[in-house]
N, C-alpha and C. Protein backbone atom coordinates (compact mmCIF):
# COMPACT_ATOMS: atom_id res chain seq x y z
N UNK A 1 -4.53 -3.18 14.55
CA UNK A 1 -5.85 -2.82 14.11
C UNK A 1 -5.80 -2.57 12.62
N UNK A 2 -6.79 -3.06 11.95
CA UNK A 2 -6.87 -2.86 10.51
C UNK A 2 -8.13 -2.08 10.18
N UNK A 3 -8.00 -1.10 9.34
CA UNK A 3 -9.11 -0.28 8.87
C UNK A 3 -9.68 -0.90 7.61
N UNK A 4 -10.99 -1.08 7.60
CA UNK A 4 -11.66 -1.64 6.42
C UNK A 4 -12.55 -0.54 5.85
N UNK A 5 -12.16 0.03 4.71
CA UNK A 5 -12.96 1.11 4.14
C UNK A 5 -14.30 0.61 3.61
N UNK A 6 -15.34 1.37 3.87
CA UNK A 6 -16.67 1.01 3.38
C UNK A 6 -17.38 2.18 2.68
N UNK A 7 -16.82 3.37 2.79
CA UNK A 7 -17.52 4.54 2.23
C UNK A 7 -17.70 4.42 0.72
N UNK A 8 -16.77 3.74 0.05
CA UNK A 8 -16.89 3.59 -1.40
C UNK A 8 -18.11 2.78 -1.80
N UNK A 9 -18.61 1.96 -0.89
CA UNK A 9 -19.80 1.16 -1.20
C UNK A 9 -21.02 2.05 -1.41
N UNK A 10 -21.01 3.22 -0.77
CA UNK A 10 -22.17 4.10 -0.80
C UNK A 10 -22.07 5.22 -1.81
N UNK A 11 -20.92 5.40 -2.41
CA UNK A 11 -20.77 6.46 -3.39
C UNK A 11 -21.02 5.92 -4.79
N UNK A 12 -21.71 6.67 -5.58
CA UNK A 12 -21.99 6.32 -6.98
C UNK A 12 -22.71 4.98 -7.12
N UNK A 13 -23.59 4.68 -6.19
CA UNK A 13 -24.34 3.43 -6.26
C UNK A 13 -25.69 3.68 -6.93
N UNK A 14 -26.07 2.76 -7.80
CA UNK A 14 -27.39 2.84 -8.44
C UNK A 14 -28.47 2.27 -7.52
N UNK A 15 -28.05 1.58 -6.47
CA UNK A 15 -28.97 0.94 -5.54
C UNK A 15 -29.11 1.83 -4.31
N UNK A 16 -30.30 1.94 -3.78
CA UNK A 16 -30.52 2.71 -2.55
C UNK A 16 -29.97 1.90 -1.38
N UNK A 17 -28.97 2.45 -0.69
CA UNK A 17 -28.30 1.75 0.39
C UNK A 17 -28.48 2.41 1.75
N UNK A 18 -29.22 3.52 1.78
CA UNK A 18 -29.43 4.23 3.04
C UNK A 18 -30.87 4.09 3.51
N UNK A 19 -31.03 4.12 4.84
CA UNK A 19 -32.36 4.05 5.44
C UNK A 19 -33.11 5.35 5.20
N UNK A 20 -34.32 5.42 5.72
CA UNK A 20 -35.16 6.61 5.51
C UNK A 20 -34.56 7.88 6.09
N UNK A 21 -33.64 7.75 7.07
CA UNK A 21 -33.02 8.94 7.65
C UNK A 21 -31.85 9.44 6.80
N UNK A 22 -31.52 8.73 5.73
CA UNK A 22 -30.41 9.08 4.82
C UNK A 22 -29.06 9.21 5.54
N UNK A 23 -28.94 8.52 6.66
CA UNK A 23 -27.68 8.52 7.41
C UNK A 23 -27.21 7.09 7.66
N UNK A 24 -28.10 6.26 8.17
CA UNK A 24 -27.76 4.87 8.47
C UNK A 24 -28.00 4.00 7.24
N UNK A 25 -27.20 2.94 7.11
CA UNK A 25 -27.42 2.00 6.00
C UNK A 25 -28.75 1.26 6.17
N UNK A 26 -29.33 0.87 5.06
CA UNK A 26 -30.49 -0.01 5.12
C UNK A 26 -29.99 -1.45 5.12
N UNK A 27 -30.87 -2.41 5.01
CA UNK A 27 -30.48 -3.82 5.07
C UNK A 27 -29.47 -4.16 3.98
N UNK A 28 -29.68 -3.69 2.79
CA UNK A 28 -28.75 -3.95 1.69
C UNK A 28 -27.39 -3.32 1.96
N UNK A 29 -27.40 -2.10 2.49
CA UNK A 29 -26.15 -1.43 2.83
C UNK A 29 -25.37 -2.19 3.87
N UNK A 30 -26.06 -2.67 4.91
CA UNK A 30 -25.39 -3.45 5.95
C UNK A 30 -24.86 -4.78 5.40
N UNK A 31 -25.59 -5.39 4.49
CA UNK A 31 -25.12 -6.65 3.88
C UNK A 31 -23.84 -6.42 3.09
N UNK A 32 -23.77 -5.32 2.33
CA UNK A 32 -22.56 -5.01 1.58
C UNK A 32 -21.38 -4.75 2.52
N UNK A 33 -21.65 -4.05 3.63
CA UNK A 33 -20.60 -3.79 4.61
C UNK A 33 -20.12 -5.10 5.23
N UNK A 34 -21.04 -5.98 5.58
CA UNK A 34 -20.68 -7.27 6.18
C UNK A 34 -19.85 -8.10 5.21
N UNK A 35 -20.24 -8.11 3.95
CA UNK A 35 -19.48 -8.85 2.94
C UNK A 35 -18.05 -8.33 2.85
N UNK A 36 -17.88 -7.01 2.84
CA UNK A 36 -16.56 -6.39 2.76
C UNK A 36 -15.72 -6.78 3.99
N UNK A 37 -16.34 -6.73 5.16
CA UNK A 37 -15.63 -7.07 6.39
C UNK A 37 -15.21 -8.54 6.37
N UNK A 38 -16.10 -9.42 5.98
CA UNK A 38 -15.78 -10.85 5.93
C UNK A 38 -14.66 -11.14 4.93
N UNK A 39 -14.69 -10.47 3.79
CA UNK A 39 -13.62 -10.66 2.79
C UNK A 39 -12.27 -10.25 3.38
N UNK A 40 -12.24 -9.16 4.10
CA UNK A 40 -11.00 -8.68 4.69
C UNK A 40 -10.55 -9.56 5.86
N UNK A 41 -11.49 -10.09 6.60
CA UNK A 41 -11.13 -10.98 7.72
C UNK A 41 -10.47 -12.25 7.20
N UNK A 42 -10.97 -12.77 6.09
CA UNK A 42 -10.38 -13.97 5.50
C UNK A 42 -8.95 -13.69 5.05
N UNK A 43 -8.72 -12.51 4.48
CA UNK A 43 -7.37 -12.16 4.05
C UNK A 43 -6.43 -12.06 5.24
N UNK A 44 -6.87 -11.46 6.32
CA UNK A 44 -6.05 -11.31 7.51
C UNK A 44 -5.76 -12.67 8.11
N UNK A 45 -6.76 -13.55 8.18
CA UNK A 45 -6.57 -14.88 8.75
C UNK A 45 -5.53 -15.66 7.97
N UNK A 46 -5.58 -15.60 6.66
CA UNK A 46 -4.63 -16.32 5.82
C UNK A 46 -3.23 -15.73 6.00
N UNK A 47 -3.12 -14.41 6.03
CA UNK A 47 -1.82 -13.77 6.21
C UNK A 47 -1.22 -14.15 7.56
N UNK A 48 -2.00 -14.15 8.62
CA UNK A 48 -1.50 -14.49 9.94
C UNK A 48 -1.06 -15.95 10.00
N UNK A 49 -1.82 -16.81 9.34
CA UNK A 49 -1.46 -18.24 9.33
C UNK A 49 -0.14 -18.44 8.62
N UNK A 50 0.07 -17.79 7.50
CA UNK A 50 1.33 -17.89 6.76
C UNK A 50 2.48 -17.36 7.60
N UNK A 51 2.27 -16.23 8.28
CA UNK A 51 3.31 -15.64 9.11
C UNK A 51 3.65 -16.56 10.28
N UNK A 52 2.65 -17.19 10.87
CA UNK A 52 2.90 -18.11 11.99
C UNK A 52 3.70 -19.33 11.54
N UNK A 53 3.45 -19.84 10.35
CA UNK A 53 4.19 -20.99 9.84
C UNK A 53 5.64 -20.62 9.55
N UNK A 54 5.87 -19.38 9.12
CA UNK A 54 7.23 -18.92 8.86
C UNK A 54 8.05 -18.86 10.14
N UNK A 55 7.40 -18.55 11.26
CA UNK A 55 8.08 -18.41 12.54
C UNK A 55 8.46 -19.78 13.09
N UNK A 56 7.66 -20.78 12.85
CA UNK A 56 7.90 -22.13 13.38
C UNK A 56 9.08 -22.76 12.77
């Protein structure tokens, strides 16, 4: 399991990233989180592919 930090996206931001309840992300906040997750998934996929080739 890999932990993908996202709290830094919401700290010191000039853009409003929280919904009206000030707890849940708004659409922009969720988009930033999704981008971070996708970036990390690509890194994991590449690392696993390299590791699998080393084993063969």
